[in-house]
Amino acid sequence: MTTNRLMAALAFAVFTAFLAVVGFRVGRLDLAIVIVISLALAAYDLWGQLGRRRR
């Protein structure tokens, strides 16, 4: 269970880093809005999957 959480956190960190590089290199406001929405959806999914207790 701990390995799943660690891998999910690592994947989210890599995804965030990738979107940050794209956002800084392009530098457009509309792209920044899409990046923020994408990160919010990924964080919500990560929190929903790893945050709930499994029986």
PDB file of N, CA and C in Angstrom:
ATOM      1  N   MET A   1       0.817  -1.184   0.000  1.00  0.00           N
ATOM      2  CA  MET A   1       0.000   0.000   0.000  1.00  0.00           C
ATOM      3  C   MET A   1       0.869   1.259   0.000  1.00  0.00           C
ATOM      4  N   THR A   2       1.940   1.250   0.732  1.00  0.00           N
ATOM      5  CA  THR A   2       2.825   2.408   0.777  1.00  0.00           C
ATOM      6  C   THR A   2       3.506   2.622  -0.567  1.00  0.00           C
ATOM      7  N   THR A   3       3.839   1.534  -1.248  1.00  0.00           N
ATOM      8  CA  THR A   3       4.475   1.649  -2.559  1.00  0.00           C
ATOM      9  C   THR A   3       3.536   2.309  -3.558  1.00  0.00           C
ATOM     10  N   ASN A   4       2.250   1.978  -3.493  1.00  0.00           N
ATOM     11  CA  ASN A   4       1.278   2.605  -4.393  1.00  0.00           C
ATOM     12  C   ASN A   4       1.191   4.103  -4.154  1.00  0.00           C
ATOM     13  N   ARG A   5       1.187   4.505  -2.906  1.00  0.00           N
ATOM     14  CA  ARG A   5       1.119   5.932  -2.588  1.00  0.00           C
ATOM     15  C   ARG A   5       2.379   6.661  -3.050  1.00  0.00           C
ATOM     16  N   LEU A   6       3.520   6.025  -2.864  1.00  0.00           N
ATOM     17  CA  LEU A   6       4.785   6.638  -3.274  1.00  0.00           C
ATOM     18  C   LEU A   6       4.852   6.787  -4.792  1.00  0.00           C
ATOM     19  N   MET A   7       4.459   5.762  -5.510  1.00  0.00           N
ATOM     20  CA  MET A   7       4.483   5.835  -6.971  1.00  0.00           C
ATOM     21  C   MET A   7       3.476   6.853  -7.498  1.00  0.00           C
ATOM     22  N   ALA A   8       2.323   6.944  -6.871  1.00  0.00           N
ATOM     23  CA  ALA A   8       1.329   7.931  -7.290  1.00  0.00           C
ATOM     24  C   ALA A   8       1.835   9.351  -7.041  1.00  0.00           C
ATOM     25  N   ALA A   9       2.472   9.565  -5.904  1.00  0.00           N
ATOM     26  CA  ALA A   9       3.029  10.890  -5.606  1.00  0.00           C
ATOM     27  C   ALA A   9       4.153  11.238  -6.576  1.00  0.00           C
ATOM     28  N   LEU A  10       4.981  10.274  -6.902  1.00  0.00           N
ATOM     29  CA  LEU A  10       6.051  10.500  -7.867  1.00  0.00           C
ATOM     30  C   LEU A  10       5.495  10.817  -9.251  1.00  0.00           C
ATOM     31  N   ALA A  11       4.474  10.096  -9.669  1.00  0.00           N
ATOM     32  CA  ALA A  11       3.858  10.352 -10.971  1.00  0.00           C
ATOM     33  C   ALA A  11       3.230  11.741 -11.014  1.00  0.00           C
ATOM     34  N   PHE A  12       2.595  12.148  -9.927  1.00  0.00           N
ATOM     35  CA  PHE A  12       2.007  13.488  -9.874  1.00  0.00           C
ATOM     36  C   PHE A  12       3.091  14.562  -9.916  1.00  0.00           C
ATOM     37  N   ALA A  13       4.202  14.318  -9.249  1.00  0.00           N
ATOM     38  CA  ALA A  13       5.311  15.273  -9.259  1.00  0.00           C
ATOM     39  C   ALA A  13       5.915  15.404 -10.657  1.00  0.00           C
ATOM     40  N   VAL A  14       6.072  14.298 -11.345  1.00  0.00           N
ATOM     41  CA  VAL A  14       6.615  14.335 -12.706  1.00  0.00           C
ATOM     42  C   VAL A  14       5.641  15.040 -13.654  1.00  0.00           C
ATOM     43  N   PHE A  15       4.359  14.757 -13.500  1.00  0.00           N
ATOM     44  CA  PHE A  15       3.335  15.411 -14.313  1.00  0.00           C
ATOM     45  C   PHE A  15       3.338  16.924 -14.070  1.00  0.00           C
ATOM     46  N   THR A  16       3.456  17.322 -12.809  1.00  0.00           N
ATOM     47  CA  THR A  16       3.515  18.740 -12.462  1.00  0.00           C
ATOM     48  C   THR A  16       4.755  19.403 -13.051  1.00  0.00           C
ATOM     49  N   ALA A  17       5.887  18.732 -12.967  1.00  0.00           N
ATOM     50  CA  ALA A  17       7.124  19.284 -13.524  1.00  0.00           C
ATOM     51  C   ALA A  17       7.022  19.443 -15.034  1.00  0.00           C
ATOM     52  N   PHE A  18       6.444  18.462 -15.700  1.00  0.00           N
ATOM     53  CA  PHE A  18       6.280  18.532 -17.153  1.00  0.00           C
ATOM     54  C   PHE A  18       5.394  19.711 -17.538  1.00  0.00           C
ATOM     55  N   LEU A  19       4.257  19.854 -16.853  1.00  0.00           N
ATOM     56  CA  LEU A  19       3.359  20.956 -17.182  1.00  0.00           C
ATOM     57  C   LEU A  19       3.970  22.307 -16.829  1.00  0.00           C
ATOM     58  N   ALA A  20       4.800  22.345 -15.788  1.00  0.00           N
ATOM     59  CA  ALA A  20       5.473  23.598 -15.437  1.00  0.00           C
ATOM     60  C   ALA A  20       6.453  24.016 -16.525  1.00  0.00           C
ATOM     61  N   VAL A  21       7.200  23.065 -17.056  1.00  0.00           N
ATOM     62  CA  VAL A  21       8.141  23.375 -18.138  1.00  0.00           C
ATOM     63  C   VAL A  21       7.396  23.874 -19.363  1.00  0.00           C
ATOM     64  N   VAL A  22       6.327  23.187 -19.725  1.00  0.00           N
ATOM     65  CA  VAL A  22       5.542  23.620 -20.885  1.00  0.00           C
ATOM     66  C   VAL A  22       4.969  25.014 -20.652  1.00  0.00           C
ATOM     67  N   GLY A  23       4.437  25.237 -19.462  1.00  0.00           N
ATOM     68  CA  GLY A  23       3.839  26.539 -19.162  1.00  0.00           C
ATOM     69  C   GLY A  23       4.841  27.675 -19.183  1.00  0.00           C
ATOM     70  N   PHE A  24       6.034  27.446 -18.635  1.00  0.00           N
ATOM     71  CA  PHE A  24       7.043  28.503 -18.616  1.00  0.00           C
ATOM     72  C   PHE A  24       7.632  28.763 -19.998  1.00  0.00           C
ATOM     73  N   ARG A  25       7.776  27.716 -20.791  1.00  0.00           N
ATOM     74  CA  ARG A  25       8.367  27.903 -22.122  1.00  0.00           C
ATOM     75  C   ARG A  25       7.407  28.615 -23.071  1.00  0.00           C
ATOM     76  N   VAL A  26       6.117  28.279 -22.982  1.00  0.00           N
ATOM     77  CA  VAL A  26       5.148  28.896 -23.892  1.00  0.00           C
ATOM     78  C   VAL A  26       4.702  30.255 -23.358  1.00  0.00           C
ATOM     79  N   GLY A  27       4.340  30.324 -22.092  1.00  0.00           N
ATOM     80  CA  GLY A  27       4.028  31.595 -21.462  1.00  0.00           C
ATOM     81  C   GLY A  27       2.747  32.262 -21.909  1.00  0.00           C
ATOM     82  N   ARG A  28       1.716  31.494 -22.179  1.00  0.00           N
ATOM     83  CA  ARG A  28       0.427  32.062 -22.575  1.00  0.00           C
ATOM     84  C   ARG A  28      -0.565  31.910 -21.435  1.00  0.00           C
ATOM     85  N   LEU A  29      -1.442  32.873 -21.279  1.00  0.00           N
ATOM     86  CA  LEU A  29      -2.413  32.858 -20.191  1.00  0.00           C
ATOM     87  C   LEU A  29      -3.425  31.731 -20.355  1.00  0.00           C
ATOM     88  N   ASP A  30      -3.917  31.518 -21.555  1.00  0.00           N
ATOM     89  CA  ASP A  30      -4.903  30.461 -21.760  1.00  0.00           C
ATOM     90  C   ASP A  30      -4.302  29.075 -21.496  1.00  0.00           C
ATOM     91  N   LEU A  31      -3.045  28.888 -21.836  1.00  0.00           N
ATOM     92  CA  LEU A  31      -2.385  27.625 -21.533  1.00  0.00           C
ATOM     93  C   LEU A  31      -2.193  27.461 -20.027  1.00  0.00           C
ATOM     94  N   ALA A  32      -1.891  28.538 -19.343  1.00  0.00           N
ATOM     95  CA  ALA A  32      -1.736  28.477 -17.885  1.00  0.00           C
ATOM     96  C   ALA A  32      -3.050  28.083 -17.214  1.00  0.00           C
ATOM     97  N   ILE A  33      -4.156  28.565 -17.723  1.00  0.00           N
ATOM     98  CA  ILE A  33      -5.461  28.196 -17.167  1.00  0.00           C
ATOM     99  C   ILE A  33      -5.730  26.715 -17.374  1.00  0.00           C
ATOM    100  N   VAL A  34      -5.422  26.208 -18.545  1.00  0.00           N
ATOM    101  CA  VAL A  34      -5.611  24.783 -18.825  1.00  0.00           C
ATOM    102  C   VAL A  34      -4.695  23.932 -17.940  1.00  0.00           C
ATOM    103  N   ILE A  35      -3.480  24.386 -17.710  1.00  0.00           N
ATOM    104  CA  ILE A  35      -2.543  23.660 -16.851  1.00  0.00           C
ATOM    105  C   ILE A  35      -3.056  23.613 -15.416  1.00  0.00           C
ATOM    106  N   VAL A  36      -3.567  24.723 -14.920  1.00  0.00           N
ATOM    107  CA  VAL A  36      -4.100  24.752 -13.551  1.00  0.00           C
ATOM    108  C   VAL A  36      -5.299  23.818 -13.426  1.00  0.00           C
ATOM    109  N   ILE A  37      -6.175  23.822 -14.412  1.00  0.00           N
ATOM    110  CA  ILE A  37      -7.326  22.924 -14.377  1.00  0.00           C
ATOM    111  C   ILE A  37      -6.871  21.469 -14.429  1.00  0.00           C
ATOM    112  N   SER A  38      -5.895  21.168 -15.271  1.00  0.00           N
ATOM    113  CA  SER A  38      -5.383  19.803 -15.382  1.00  0.00           C
ATOM    114  C   SER A  38      -4.764  19.330 -14.070  1.00  0.00           C
ATOM    115  N   LEU A  39      -3.984  20.185 -13.445  1.00  0.00           N
ATOM    116  CA  LEU A  39      -3.376  19.822 -12.163  1.00  0.00           C
ATOM    117  C   LEU A  39      -4.428  19.658 -11.070  1.00  0.00           C
ATOM    118  N   ALA A  40      -5.455  20.495 -11.092  1.00  0.00           N
ATOM    119  CA  ALA A  40      -6.528  20.367 -10.101  1.00  0.00           C
ATOM    120  C   ALA A  40      -7.271  19.046 -10.274  1.00  0.00           C
ATOM    121  N   LEU A  41      -7.553  18.661 -11.505  1.00  0.00           N
ATOM    122  CA  LEU A  41      -8.234  17.390 -11.747  1.00  0.00           C
ATOM    123  C   LEU A  41      -7.361  16.203 -11.349  1.00  0.00           C
ATOM    124  N   ALA A  42      -6.079  16.273 -11.645  1.00  0.00           N
ATOM    125  CA  ALA A  42      -5.172  15.181 -11.269  1.00  0.00           C
ATOM    126  C   ALA A  42      -5.017  15.093  -9.751  1.00  0.00           C
ATOM    127  N   ALA A  43      -4.946  16.238  -9.081  1.00  0.00           N
ATOM    128  CA  ALA A  43      -4.836  16.234  -7.619  1.00  0.00           C
ATOM    129  C   ALA A  43      -6.111  15.698  -6.985  1.00  0.00           C
ATOM    130  N   TYR A  44      -7.261  16.050  -7.533  1.00  0.00           N
ATOM    131  CA  TYR A  44      -8.535  15.544  -7.010  1.00  0.00           C
ATOM    132  C   TYR A  44      -8.616  14.032  -7.170  1.00  0.00           C
ATOM    133  N   ASP A  45      -8.192  13.535  -8.314  1.00  0.00           N
ATOM    134  CA  ASP A  45      -8.206  12.094  -8.547  1.00  0.00           C
ATOM    135  C   ASP A  45      -7.221  11.383  -7.618  1.00  0.00           C
ATOM    136  N   LEU A  46      -6.043  11.947  -7.453  1.00  0.00           N
ATOM    137  CA  LEU A  46      -5.050  11.360  -6.551  1.00  0.00           C
ATOM    138  C   LEU A  46      -5.579  11.333  -5.122  1.00  0.00           C
ATOM    139  N   TRP A  47      -6.164  12.417  -4.677  1.00  0.00           N
ATOM    140  CA  TRP A  47      -6.716  12.494  -3.327  1.00  0.00           C
ATOM    141  C   TRP A  47      -7.879  11.521  -3.155  1.00  0.00           C
ATOM    142  N   GLY A  48      -8.706  11.400  -4.171  1.00  0.00           N
ATOM    143  CA  GLY A  48      -9.861  10.496  -4.103  1.00  0.00           C
ATOM    144  C   GLY A  48      -9.443   9.033  -4.063  1.00  0.00           C
ATOM    145  N   GLN A  49      -8.424   8.680  -4.803  1.00  0.00           N
ATOM    146  CA  GLN A  49      -8.007   7.282  -4.866  1.00  0.00           C
ATOM    147  C   GLN A  49      -7.161   6.880  -3.674  1.00  0.00           C
ATOM    148  N   LEU A  50      -6.283   7.732  -3.230  1.00  0.00           N
ATOM    149  CA  LEU A  50      -5.377   7.372  -2.146  1.00  0.00           C
ATOM    150  C   LEU A  50      -5.862   7.838  -0.775  1.00  0.00           C
ATOM    151  N   GLY A  51      -6.781   8.772  -0.753  1.00  0.00           N
ATOM    152  CA  GLY A  51      -7.220   9.313   0.520  1.00  0.00           C
ATOM    153  C   GLY A  51      -8.251   8.459   1.233  1.00  0.00           C
ATOM    154  N   ARG A  52      -9.054   7.718   0.475  1.00  0.00           N
ATOM    155  CA  ARG A  52     -10.095   6.928   1.127  1.00  0.00           C
ATOM    156  C   ARG A  52      -9.504   5.670   1.750  1.00  0.00           C
ATOM    157  N   ARG A  53     -10.113   5.249   2.785  1.00  0.00           N
ATOM    158  CA  ARG A  53      -9.665   4.047   3.489  1.00  0.00           C
ATOM    159  C   ARG A  53     -10.278   2.813   2.841  1.00  0.00           C
ATOM    160  N   ARG A  54      -9.468   1.834   2.629  1.00  0.00           N
ATOM    161  CA  ARG A  54      -9.956   0.578   2.038  1.00  0.00           C
ATOM    162  C   ARG A  54     -10.078  -0.452   3.134  1.00  0.00           C
ATOM    163  N   ARG A  55     -11.118  -1.263   3.031  1.00  0.00           N
ATOM    164  CA  ARG A  55     -11.354  -2.283   4.056  1.00  0.00           C
ATOM    165  C   ARG A  55     -10.979  -3.650   3.561  1.00  0.00           C
TER     166      ARG A  55
END
